[in-house]
Amino acid sequence: MASVQRRVGSRYHIPAFELRWHSVREPLPVRQVPSHGRLLEAPPWIDSGMPGEPFHFSKAMKRLVADIAAKYPLLGHIDVSRMLFTISNSKNARLHGLQAKVTPLRFQNGELTRLHRGIPFQVQQFFLDDHEIYYVISFCLPRFLNRDFEDKFVTVFHELFHIGPRFDGDLRRHAGRYSVHTASQKRYDQEMAMMAHEYLQSQPDPSLFGFLKLNFAQLLHRHGRVIGHSVPRPKLIPIRFTFR
């Protein structure tokens, strides 16, 4: 991984412009979700992978999103090889609160830099193997897993729809004052629910989304551990004070 750059003779520590991982030599960091409450046995007819083996949430979500992109034309621009699916720990056991978020690694129109008060800032770049990462989608666990199946599926589409249609690292932007979110949250949620329903109507392999039919306690009972990738939040770096 790239080292931290420092400004000589100053107290400022400048982050690395690039963070790099490699699938074999330097894999993505993995975090385990802490246990919450008692375990529950999962229905045996719901497939979430091999019992007794740790459930890797990030890998499962990546497989699901790859299938969604392949089968749902409106999201066909999504390339999972340029995305990271990560997890963060919920601060409490409440169901309400942040479920997931997508972080773009570019500014508007895919620009790498942006001026702020006359100072150019650059987005920290992530790389996995030979692929530059354009988006990081993080899910709050176990909170997200403890929602009902429909809500979880709609949340996945909600985050994916934020990804810009050019897949250039920018978010999808809407006309008017609500550039990132539409004016009506209710209508937006209804549209995402319709998209999720249409995908399920295509009869995808149930093993791709079976894990979303289970809650955290059930996954933990079946697999022993629930894990996922965890990376630093990408930083904005002021270019004026760096030596490259």
Protein backbone atom coordinates (compact mmCIF):
# COMPACT_ATOMS: atom_id res chain seq x y z
CA MET A 1 0.00 0.00 0.00
CA ALA A 2 1.21 3.48 -0.75
CA SER A 3 2.93 5.23 2.12
CA VAL A 4 1.79 8.47 3.70
CA GLN A 5 3.43 11.59 2.26
CA ARG A 6 4.52 14.35 4.63
CA ARG A 7 5.21 18.02 4.13
CA VAL A 8 8.83 18.57 5.13
CA GLY A 9 9.26 20.79 8.19
CA SER A 10 5.52 20.91 8.89
CA ARG A 11 3.07 19.30 11.24
CA TYR A 12 0.77 18.45 8.31
CA HIS A 13 0.66 14.81 7.28
CA ILE A 14 -0.46 14.43 3.68
CA PRO A 15 -2.18 11.12 2.83
CA ALA A 16 -0.96 9.02 -0.06
CA PHE A 17 -2.41 9.91 -3.44
CA GLU A 18 -2.98 6.22 -4.13
CA LEU A 19 -3.89 3.17 -2.06
CA ARG A 20 -3.23 -0.15 -3.79
CA TRP A 21 -4.19 -3.73 -2.98
CA HIS A 22 -3.47 -7.01 -4.73
CA SER A 23 -5.67 -10.10 -4.57
CA VAL A 24 -2.70 -12.33 -3.69
CA ARG A 25 0.23 -10.25 -2.44
CA GLU A 26 -1.65 -7.62 -0.44
CA PRO A 27 -5.36 -8.47 -0.22
CA LEU A 28 -8.08 -6.12 0.91
CA PRO A 29 -8.42 -5.85 4.71
CA VAL A 30 -11.14 -8.03 6.24
CA ARG A 31 -13.28 -7.15 9.26
CA GLN A 32 -15.44 -9.45 11.38
CA VAL A 33 -18.88 -8.25 12.45
CA PRO A 34 -19.21 -8.52 16.26
CA SER A 35 -21.86 -10.86 17.62
CA HIS A 36 -25.13 -9.25 18.74
CA GLY A 37 -27.63 -11.18 20.88
CA ARG A 38 -28.57 -14.85 20.61
CA LEU A 39 -28.20 -16.97 17.49
CA LEU A 40 -31.11 -18.24 15.43
CA GLU A 41 -31.19 -21.32 13.21
CA ALA A 42 -31.58 -20.50 9.52
CA PRO A 43 -34.21 -22.27 7.39
CA PRO A 44 -32.31 -25.10 5.64
CA TRP A 45 -33.95 -24.41 2.27
CA ILE A 46 -32.38 -20.93 2.01
CA ASP A 47 -28.93 -21.11 0.42
CA SER A 48 -26.25 -18.79 1.81
CA GLY A 49 -23.20 -20.90 1.12
CA MET A 50 -21.35 -23.70 2.87
CA PRO A 51 -22.38 -24.09 6.55
CA GLY A 52 -19.48 -23.79 8.97
CA GLU A 53 -17.46 -21.56 6.65
CA PRO A 54 -17.29 -17.80 7.40
CA PHE A 55 -19.87 -15.86 5.42
CA HIS A 56 -18.07 -13.24 3.34
CA PHE A 57 -20.64 -10.49 2.90
CA SER A 58 -18.55 -8.44 0.46
CA LYS A 59 -18.01 -11.35 -1.92
CA ALA A 60 -21.69 -12.33 -1.77
CA MET A 61 -22.79 -8.76 -2.51
CA LYS A 62 -20.33 -8.46 -5.40
CA ARG A 63 -21.73 -11.64 -7.01
CA LEU A 64 -25.28 -10.37 -6.62
CA VAL A 65 -24.53 -6.93 -8.09
CA ALA A 66 -22.67 -8.50 -11.02
CA ASP A 67 -25.79 -10.50 -11.85
CA ILE A 68 -28.03 -7.43 -11.48
CA ALA A 69 -25.82 -5.48 -13.89
CA ALA A 70 -25.85 -8.36 -16.38
CA LYS A 71 -29.63 -8.83 -16.34
CA TYR A 72 -31.08 -5.37 -15.66
CA PRO A 73 -30.39 -3.00 -18.59
CA LEU A 74 -30.88 0.21 -16.63
CA LEU A 75 -27.90 -0.77 -14.46
CA GLY A 76 -25.91 -2.43 -17.23
CA HIS A 77 -23.21 0.24 -17.05
CA ILE A 78 -22.05 -1.04 -13.67
CA ASP A 79 -18.69 -2.83 -13.62
CA VAL A 80 -18.06 -4.64 -10.33
CA SER A 81 -14.35 -5.00 -11.12
CA ARG A 82 -14.09 -1.25 -10.46
CA MET A 83 -16.11 -1.28 -7.25
CA LEU A 84 -15.45 -2.23 -3.64
CA PHE A 85 -18.20 -3.66 -1.43
CA THR A 86 -17.31 -3.03 2.19
CA ILE A 87 -18.83 -3.25 5.64
CA SER A 88 -18.90 -1.00 8.68
CA ASN A 89 -20.10 -1.81 12.18
CA SER A 90 -23.45 -0.43 13.33
CA LYS A 91 -23.00 1.70 16.44
CA ASN A 92 -26.16 0.23 17.96
CA ALA A 93 -28.70 -2.56 17.42
CA ARG A 94 -31.52 -0.28 16.24
CA LEU A 95 -33.00 -1.08 12.85
CA HIS A 96 -33.39 2.56 11.89
CA GLY A 97 -30.40 4.58 10.80
CA LEU A 98 -27.88 4.46 7.99
CA GLN A 99 -28.17 1.18 6.08
CA ALA A 100 -25.69 1.70 3.24
CA LYS A 101 -23.91 4.43 1.30
CA VAL A 102 -22.07 4.78 -1.98
CA THR A 103 -18.88 6.85 -2.08
CA PRO A 104 -17.76 8.10 -5.51
CA LEU A 105 -14.04 8.49 -6.17
CA ARG A 106 -14.43 11.31 -8.67
CA PHE A 107 -15.98 14.76 -8.73
CA GLN A 108 -18.67 15.92 -11.15
CA ASN A 109 -18.21 14.70 -14.73
CA GLY A 110 -15.58 12.25 -13.56
CA GLU A 111 -12.99 14.92 -12.75
CA LEU A 112 -10.15 13.86 -10.46
CA THR A 113 -9.56 17.36 -9.04
CA ARG A 114 -11.72 20.27 -7.93
CA LEU A 115 -11.05 23.82 -6.78
CA HIS A 116 -12.24 24.81 -3.32
CA ARG A 117 -11.54 28.39 -2.21
CA GLY A 118 -8.84 28.60 -4.83
CA ILE A 119 -7.05 25.43 -3.71
CA PRO A 120 -7.11 22.34 -5.98
CA PHE A 121 -8.11 19.11 -4.23
CA GLN A 122 -7.64 15.59 -5.57
CA VAL A 123 -9.65 12.51 -4.65
CA GLN A 124 -7.50 9.74 -3.23
CA GLN A 125 -7.32 6.91 -5.80
CA PHE A 126 -7.91 3.24 -4.96
CA PHE A 127 -6.56 0.33 -7.03
CA LEU A 128 -7.20 -3.40 -6.79
CA ASP A 129 -4.86 -5.44 -8.98
CA ASP A 130 -4.85 -3.61 -12.33
CA HIS A 131 -8.25 -1.99 -11.84
CA GLU A 132 -8.81 1.53 -10.60
CA ILE A 133 -11.78 1.68 -8.24
CA TYR A 134 -14.49 4.23 -9.03
CA TYR A 135 -17.06 3.50 -6.30
CA VAL A 136 -17.10 2.12 -2.76
CA ILE A 137 -20.42 0.84 -1.42
CA SER A 138 -20.47 0.26 2.33
CA PHE A 139 -23.16 -1.58 4.31
CA CYS A 140 -23.78 -1.08 8.03
CA LEU A 141 -23.83 -4.50 9.71
CA PRO A 142 -25.62 -6.04 11.44
CA ARG A 143 -28.27 -3.31 11.02
CA PHE A 144 -28.69 -3.81 7.28
CA LEU A 145 -29.00 -7.59 7.60
CA ASN A 146 -31.71 -7.30 10.25
CA ARG A 147 -34.14 -5.50 7.95
CA ASP A 148 -36.75 -7.50 6.07
CA PHE A 149 -35.88 -9.03 2.70
CA GLU A 150 -37.76 -6.52 0.55
CA ASP A 151 -36.25 -3.55 2.34
CA LYS A 152 -32.74 -4.95 1.93
CA PHE A 153 -33.23 -5.60 -1.76
CA VAL A 154 -34.63 -2.12 -2.37
CA THR A 155 -31.67 -0.62 -0.48
CA VAL A 156 -29.25 -2.41 -2.83
CA PHE A 157 -31.00 -0.89 -5.86
CA HIS A 158 -31.17 2.49 -4.14
CA GLU A 159 -27.37 2.58 -3.83
CA LEU A 160 -26.71 1.18 -7.30
CA PHE A 161 -28.97 3.75 -8.95
CA HIS A 162 -26.83 6.53 -7.45
CA ILE A 163 -23.94 5.40 -9.67
CA GLY A 164 -23.63 7.69 -12.69
CA PRO A 165 -24.73 6.23 -16.06
CA ARG A 166 -21.28 7.01 -17.52
CA PHE A 167 -19.64 4.99 -14.72
CA ASP A 168 -16.90 7.57 -14.47
CA GLY A 169 -16.66 7.80 -10.68
CA ASP A 170 -19.36 10.48 -10.38
CA LEU A 171 -22.87 10.08 -9.00
CA ARG A 172 -26.04 10.12 -11.09
CA ARG A 173 -27.22 13.73 -11.24
CA HIS A 174 -30.78 14.95 -11.66
CA ALA A 175 -32.04 18.19 -13.13
CA GLY A 176 -32.98 21.05 -10.83
CA ARG A 177 -31.98 21.80 -7.26
CA TYR A 178 -31.95 18.11 -6.24
CA SER A 179 -28.85 17.18 -8.22
CA VAL A 180 -28.08 13.87 -6.47
CA HIS A 181 -31.45 12.96 -4.94
CA THR A 182 -34.80 13.48 -6.61
CA ALA A 183 -37.33 15.92 -5.18
CA SER A 184 -39.65 13.17 -3.94
CA GLN A 185 -38.12 10.56 -1.63
CA LYS A 186 -41.37 8.59 -1.68
CA ARG A 187 -41.44 8.40 -5.47
CA TYR A 188 -37.76 7.49 -5.58
CA ASP A 189 -38.34 4.63 -3.12
CA GLN A 190 -41.28 3.40 -5.19
CA GLU A 191 -39.15 3.39 -8.35
CA MET A 192 -36.39 1.43 -6.60
CA ALA A 193 -38.92 -1.09 -5.31
CA MET A 194 -40.26 -1.54 -8.84
CA MET A 195 -36.73 -2.10 -10.19
CA ALA A 196 -35.99 -4.68 -7.49
CA HIS A 197 -39.27 -6.47 -8.30
CA GLU A 198 -38.51 -6.51 -12.03
CA TYR A 199 -35.10 -8.06 -11.40
CA LEU A 200 -36.59 -10.78 -9.20
CA GLN A 201 -39.18 -11.46 -11.89
CA SER A 202 -36.29 -12.46 -14.18
CA GLN A 203 -35.87 -15.50 -11.90
CA PRO A 204 -32.19 -15.13 -10.96
CA ASP A 205 -30.36 -17.97 -9.22
CA PRO A 206 -31.74 -18.03 -5.63
CA SER A 207 -28.27 -18.73 -4.27
CA LEU A 208 -27.25 -15.20 -5.31
CA PHE A 209 -29.66 -13.46 -2.96
CA GLY A 210 -30.46 -16.14 -0.37
CA PHE A 211 -28.30 -14.41 2.22
CA LEU A 212 -30.62 -11.38 2.10
CA LYS A 213 -33.48 -13.60 3.27
CA LEU A 214 -31.59 -14.33 6.49
CA ASN A 215 -30.86 -11.99 9.36
CA PHE A 216 -27.52 -11.56 11.07
CA ALA A 217 -28.26 -14.05 13.87
CA GLN A 218 -29.18 -16.73 11.32
CA LEU A 219 -26.08 -16.16 9.20
CA LEU A 220 -23.91 -16.25 12.31
CA HIS A 221 -25.52 -19.50 13.51
CA ARG A 222 -24.94 -21.18 10.14
CA HIS A 223 -21.48 -19.83 9.31
CA GLY A 224 -19.86 -19.07 12.67
CA ARG A 225 -18.53 -15.71 11.47
CA VAL A 226 -19.74 -12.88 9.23
CA ILE A 227 -16.88 -10.98 7.60
CA GLY A 228 -16.36 -8.40 4.89
CA HIS A 229 -13.87 -6.02 3.36
CA SER A 230 -13.05 -2.80 5.19
CA VAL A 231 -10.99 0.03 3.69
CA PRO A 232 -10.26 3.63 4.77
CA ARG A 233 -12.63 6.34 3.66
CA PRO A 234 -11.11 7.98 0.55
CA LYS A 235 -9.65 11.37 1.39
CA LEU A 236 -9.54 14.71 -0.39
CA ILE A 237 -5.94 15.86 -0.67
CA PRO A 238 -4.91 19.51 -1.18
CA ILE A 239 -2.50 19.49 -4.09
CA ARG A 240 -0.84 22.81 -3.17
CA PHE A 241 0.93 21.32 -0.16
CA THR A 242 2.16 18.07 -1.68
CA PHE A 243 5.41 16.95 -3.25
CA ARG A 244 4.90 14.43 -6.07
